[in-house]
Amino acid sequence: MPIKGWIEVNDLYCKGCELCVAACPQNVLALDLDQLTPKGYHPARLITAGCTGCNICAIVCPDAAITVYREARQKNKVAINA
């Protein structure tokens, strides 16, 4: 089962440069053309499921507008019957 991740974009910092969109290996980011930031830019958003929390988008963001979250892996638990 693949790891699930998600992002939060701070609209005060995102300037819609699309560097994160181009860098995303899962192709799950796009600019939100229905919304404008306080500075008048279209912010980046997750457009579909499939984010793995790889953090590449946050690394390439020149304004540190992206926070990445990643679901913790669960260890396989084996029940032992005594």
N, C-alpha and C. Protein backbone atom coordinates (compact mmCIF):
# COMPACT_ATOMS: atom_id res chain seq x y z
N MET A 1 0.84 -1.17 0.00
CA MET A 1 0.00 0.00 0.00
C MET A 1 0.89 1.24 0.00
N PRO A 2 0.70 2.14 -0.98
CA PRO A 2 1.55 3.33 -1.04
C PRO A 2 1.26 4.30 0.10
N ILE A 3 2.27 5.05 0.45
CA ILE A 3 2.13 6.06 1.50
C ILE A 3 1.31 7.22 0.95
N LYS A 4 0.45 7.76 1.77
CA LYS A 4 -0.37 8.89 1.36
C LYS A 4 0.19 10.17 1.97
N GLY A 5 0.12 11.21 1.20
CA GLY A 5 0.57 12.51 1.67
C GLY A 5 -0.40 13.58 1.22
N TRP A 6 -0.19 14.78 1.71
CA TRP A 6 -0.99 15.92 1.30
C TRP A 6 -0.20 17.17 1.58
N ILE A 7 -0.63 18.25 0.98
CA ILE A 7 0.07 19.52 1.16
C ILE A 7 -0.90 20.59 1.61
N GLU A 8 -0.34 21.62 2.21
CA GLU A 8 -1.07 22.85 2.49
C GLU A 8 -0.25 23.99 1.88
N VAL A 9 -0.93 24.84 1.15
CA VAL A 9 -0.27 25.98 0.52
C VAL A 9 -0.69 27.25 1.25
N ASN A 10 0.27 28.02 1.69
CA ASN A 10 0.00 29.29 2.36
C ASN A 10 -0.24 30.34 1.29
N ASP A 11 -1.49 30.78 1.18
CA ASP A 11 -1.86 31.74 0.15
C ASP A 11 -1.20 33.11 0.31
N LEU A 12 -0.69 33.41 1.49
CA LEU A 12 0.01 34.68 1.68
C LEU A 12 1.37 34.69 1.00
N TYR A 13 1.94 33.50 0.76
CA TYR A 13 3.28 33.41 0.16
C TYR A 13 3.27 32.90 -1.27
N CYS A 14 2.29 32.08 -1.65
CA CYS A 14 2.27 31.49 -3.00
C CYS A 14 2.05 32.57 -4.05
N LYS A 15 2.93 32.58 -5.06
CA LYS A 15 2.80 33.56 -6.14
C LYS A 15 2.47 32.89 -7.48
N GLY A 16 2.07 31.63 -7.43
CA GLY A 16 1.62 30.94 -8.63
C GLY A 16 2.69 30.74 -9.67
N CYS A 17 3.91 30.50 -9.27
CA CYS A 17 5.02 30.37 -10.23
C CYS A 17 5.02 29.02 -10.95
N GLU A 18 4.30 28.06 -10.43
CA GLU A 18 4.15 26.71 -11.01
C GLU A 18 5.41 25.84 -10.95
N LEU A 19 6.43 26.25 -10.19
CA LEU A 19 7.60 25.40 -10.06
C LEU A 19 7.23 24.07 -9.40
N CYS A 20 6.35 24.12 -8.41
CA CYS A 20 5.91 22.91 -7.72
C CYS A 20 5.11 22.00 -8.65
N VAL A 21 4.29 22.60 -9.50
CA VAL A 21 3.48 21.83 -10.45
C VAL A 21 4.39 21.07 -11.40
N ALA A 22 5.40 21.75 -11.92
CA ALA A 22 6.34 21.12 -12.86
C ALA A 22 7.20 20.04 -12.19
N ALA A 23 7.51 20.22 -10.91
CA ALA A 23 8.41 19.30 -10.22
C ALA A 23 7.71 18.07 -9.66
N CYS A 24 6.39 18.10 -9.53
CA CYS A 24 5.67 17.00 -8.88
C CYS A 24 5.76 15.71 -9.69
N PRO A 25 6.38 14.66 -9.15
CA PRO A 25 6.51 13.41 -9.91
C PRO A 25 5.19 12.64 -10.03
N GLN A 26 4.22 12.96 -9.17
CA GLN A 26 2.92 12.28 -9.21
C GLN A 26 1.91 13.03 -10.09
N ASN A 27 2.25 14.24 -10.52
CA ASN A 27 1.36 15.08 -11.34
C ASN A 27 0.01 15.30 -10.67
N VAL A 28 0.04 15.66 -9.39
CA VAL A 28 -1.20 15.88 -8.64
C VAL A 28 -1.39 17.34 -8.24
N LEU A 29 -0.55 18.23 -8.73
CA LEU A 29 -0.65 19.66 -8.41
C LEU A 29 -1.02 20.46 -9.65
N ALA A 30 -1.76 21.53 -9.44
CA ALA A 30 -2.09 22.47 -10.49
C ALA A 30 -2.44 23.80 -9.83
N LEU A 31 -2.47 24.84 -10.63
CA LEU A 31 -2.90 26.13 -10.11
C LEU A 31 -4.43 26.13 -10.01
N ASP A 32 -4.93 26.71 -8.93
CA ASP A 32 -6.37 26.81 -8.70
C ASP A 32 -6.86 28.07 -9.42
N LEU A 33 -7.41 27.90 -10.61
CA LEU A 33 -7.83 29.03 -11.42
C LEU A 33 -9.13 29.66 -10.95
N ASP A 34 -9.77 29.04 -9.95
CA ASP A 34 -11.01 29.57 -9.39
C ASP A 34 -10.77 30.45 -8.16
N GLN A 35 -9.51 30.58 -7.75
CA GLN A 35 -9.21 31.32 -6.53
C GLN A 35 -8.02 32.23 -6.76
N LEU A 36 -8.03 33.36 -6.06
CA LEU A 36 -6.90 34.28 -6.07
C LEU A 36 -6.38 34.46 -4.66
N THR A 37 -5.07 34.60 -4.54
CA THR A 37 -4.47 34.89 -3.24
C THR A 37 -4.67 36.38 -2.95
N PRO A 38 -4.37 36.82 -1.72
CA PRO A 38 -4.48 38.25 -1.41
C PRO A 38 -3.62 39.14 -2.32
N LYS A 39 -2.58 38.57 -2.89
CA LYS A 39 -1.71 39.33 -3.79
C LYS A 39 -2.14 39.23 -5.26
N GLY A 40 -3.21 38.46 -5.53
CA GLY A 40 -3.75 38.37 -6.88
C GLY A 40 -3.22 37.23 -7.74
N TYR A 41 -2.63 36.22 -7.13
CA TYR A 41 -2.10 35.08 -7.87
C TYR A 41 -3.02 33.87 -7.71
N HIS A 42 -2.96 32.96 -8.68
CA HIS A 42 -3.67 31.69 -8.56
C HIS A 42 -2.75 30.74 -7.78
N PRO A 43 -3.18 30.24 -6.62
CA PRO A 43 -2.32 29.38 -5.80
C PRO A 43 -2.29 27.94 -6.30
N ALA A 44 -1.26 27.23 -5.92
CA ALA A 44 -1.15 25.80 -6.23
C ALA A 44 -2.06 25.02 -5.30
N ARG A 45 -2.60 23.92 -5.79
CA ARG A 45 -3.48 23.04 -5.00
C ARG A 45 -3.31 21.60 -5.47
N LEU A 46 -3.64 20.67 -4.58
CA LEU A 46 -3.77 19.27 -4.97
C LEU A 46 -5.03 19.15 -5.82
N ILE A 47 -4.92 18.50 -6.97
CA ILE A 47 -6.09 18.37 -7.83
C ILE A 47 -6.64 16.96 -7.86
N THR A 48 -5.90 16.02 -7.34
CA THR A 48 -6.33 14.63 -7.33
C THR A 48 -5.57 13.87 -6.26
N ALA A 49 -6.06 12.71 -5.92
CA ALA A 49 -5.36 11.85 -4.95
C ALA A 49 -4.09 11.31 -5.60
N GLY A 50 -3.17 10.90 -4.77
CA GLY A 50 -1.94 10.30 -5.28
C GLY A 50 -0.67 10.93 -4.74
N CYS A 51 -0.82 11.97 -3.94
CA CYS A 51 0.34 12.59 -3.32
C CYS A 51 0.98 11.58 -2.36
N THR A 52 2.30 11.45 -2.46
CA THR A 52 3.03 10.54 -1.59
C THR A 52 3.79 11.26 -0.48
N GLY A 53 3.71 12.58 -0.47
CA GLY A 53 4.43 13.34 0.54
C GLY A 53 5.92 13.34 0.30
N CYS A 54 6.33 13.31 -0.95
CA CYS A 54 7.77 13.21 -1.28
C CYS A 54 8.54 14.49 -0.94
N ASN A 55 7.84 15.63 -0.79
CA ASN A 55 8.44 16.90 -0.37
C ASN A 55 9.15 17.66 -1.49
N ILE A 56 9.13 17.17 -2.71
CA ILE A 56 9.82 17.86 -3.79
C ILE A 56 9.20 19.23 -4.05
N CYS A 57 7.88 19.32 -3.98
CA CYS A 57 7.22 20.61 -4.22
C CYS A 57 7.68 21.66 -3.22
N ALA A 58 7.79 21.27 -1.97
CA ALA A 58 8.23 22.22 -0.93
C ALA A 58 9.69 22.61 -1.11
N ILE A 59 10.50 21.70 -1.59
CA ILE A 59 11.92 21.99 -1.80
C ILE A 59 12.12 23.01 -2.92
N VAL A 60 11.35 22.89 -4.01
CA VAL A 60 11.53 23.79 -5.14
C VAL A 60 10.79 25.12 -4.98
N CYS A 61 9.90 25.22 -4.01
CA CYS A 61 9.13 26.45 -3.81
C CYS A 61 10.06 27.57 -3.34
N PRO A 62 10.21 28.63 -4.13
CA PRO A 62 11.14 29.70 -3.75
C PRO A 62 10.64 30.56 -2.58
N ASP A 63 9.35 30.45 -2.26
CA ASP A 63 8.78 31.28 -1.20
C ASP A 63 8.39 30.50 0.04
N ALA A 64 8.76 29.22 0.11
CA ALA A 64 8.45 28.37 1.26
C ALA A 64 6.96 28.42 1.60
N ALA A 65 6.12 28.34 0.57
CA ALA A 65 4.68 28.44 0.75
C ALA A 65 4.01 27.10 0.96
N ILE A 66 4.75 26.00 0.83
CA ILE A 66 4.15 24.67 0.88
C ILE A 66 4.63 23.90 2.11
N THR A 67 3.66 23.34 2.81
CA THR A 67 3.95 22.43 3.92
C THR A 67 3.46 21.06 3.51
N VAL A 68 4.32 20.06 3.64
CA VAL A 68 3.98 18.70 3.22
C VAL A 68 3.74 17.83 4.44
N TYR A 69 2.70 17.04 4.36
CA TYR A 69 2.38 16.09 5.42
C TYR A 69 2.40 14.69 4.82
N ARG A 70 2.81 13.74 5.64
CA ARG A 70 2.93 12.37 5.17
C ARG A 70 2.36 11.43 6.21
N GLU A 71 1.54 10.50 5.75
CA GLU A 71 0.94 9.50 6.64
C GLU A 71 2.05 8.58 7.15
N ALA A 72 2.04 8.30 8.42
CA ALA A 72 3.06 7.42 9.00
C ALA A 72 2.83 5.98 8.55
N ARG A 73 3.91 5.30 8.29
CA ARG A 73 3.81 3.87 7.95
C ARG A 73 3.39 3.10 9.18
N GLN A 74 2.54 2.14 8.96
CA GLN A 74 2.13 1.29 10.06
C GLN A 74 2.88 -0.03 9.94
N LYS A 75 3.44 -0.45 11.05
CA LYS A 75 4.16 -1.71 11.06
C LYS A 75 3.16 -2.85 11.03
N ASN A 76 3.55 -3.90 10.35
CA ASN A 76 2.68 -5.08 10.31
C ASN A 76 2.67 -5.74 11.67
N LYS A 77 1.49 -5.92 12.20
CA LYS A 77 1.36 -6.57 13.50
C LYS A 77 0.95 -8.02 13.25
N VAL A 78 1.67 -8.90 13.88
CA VAL A 78 1.39 -10.31 13.75
C VAL A 78 0.82 -10.80 15.06
N ALA A 79 -0.35 -11.38 14.99
CA ALA A 79 -0.97 -11.92 16.20
C ALA A 79 -0.39 -13.29 16.48
N ILE A 80 -0.01 -13.48 17.72
CA ILE A 80 0.54 -14.79 18.13
C ILE A 80 -0.48 -15.43 19.06
N ASN A 81 -0.94 -16.56 18.64
CA ASN A 81 -1.91 -17.32 19.48
C ASN A 81 -1.14 -18.25 20.41
N ALA A 82 -1.35 -18.08 21.68
CA ALA A 82 -0.62 -18.91 22.64
C ALA A 82 -1.51 -20.01 23.17
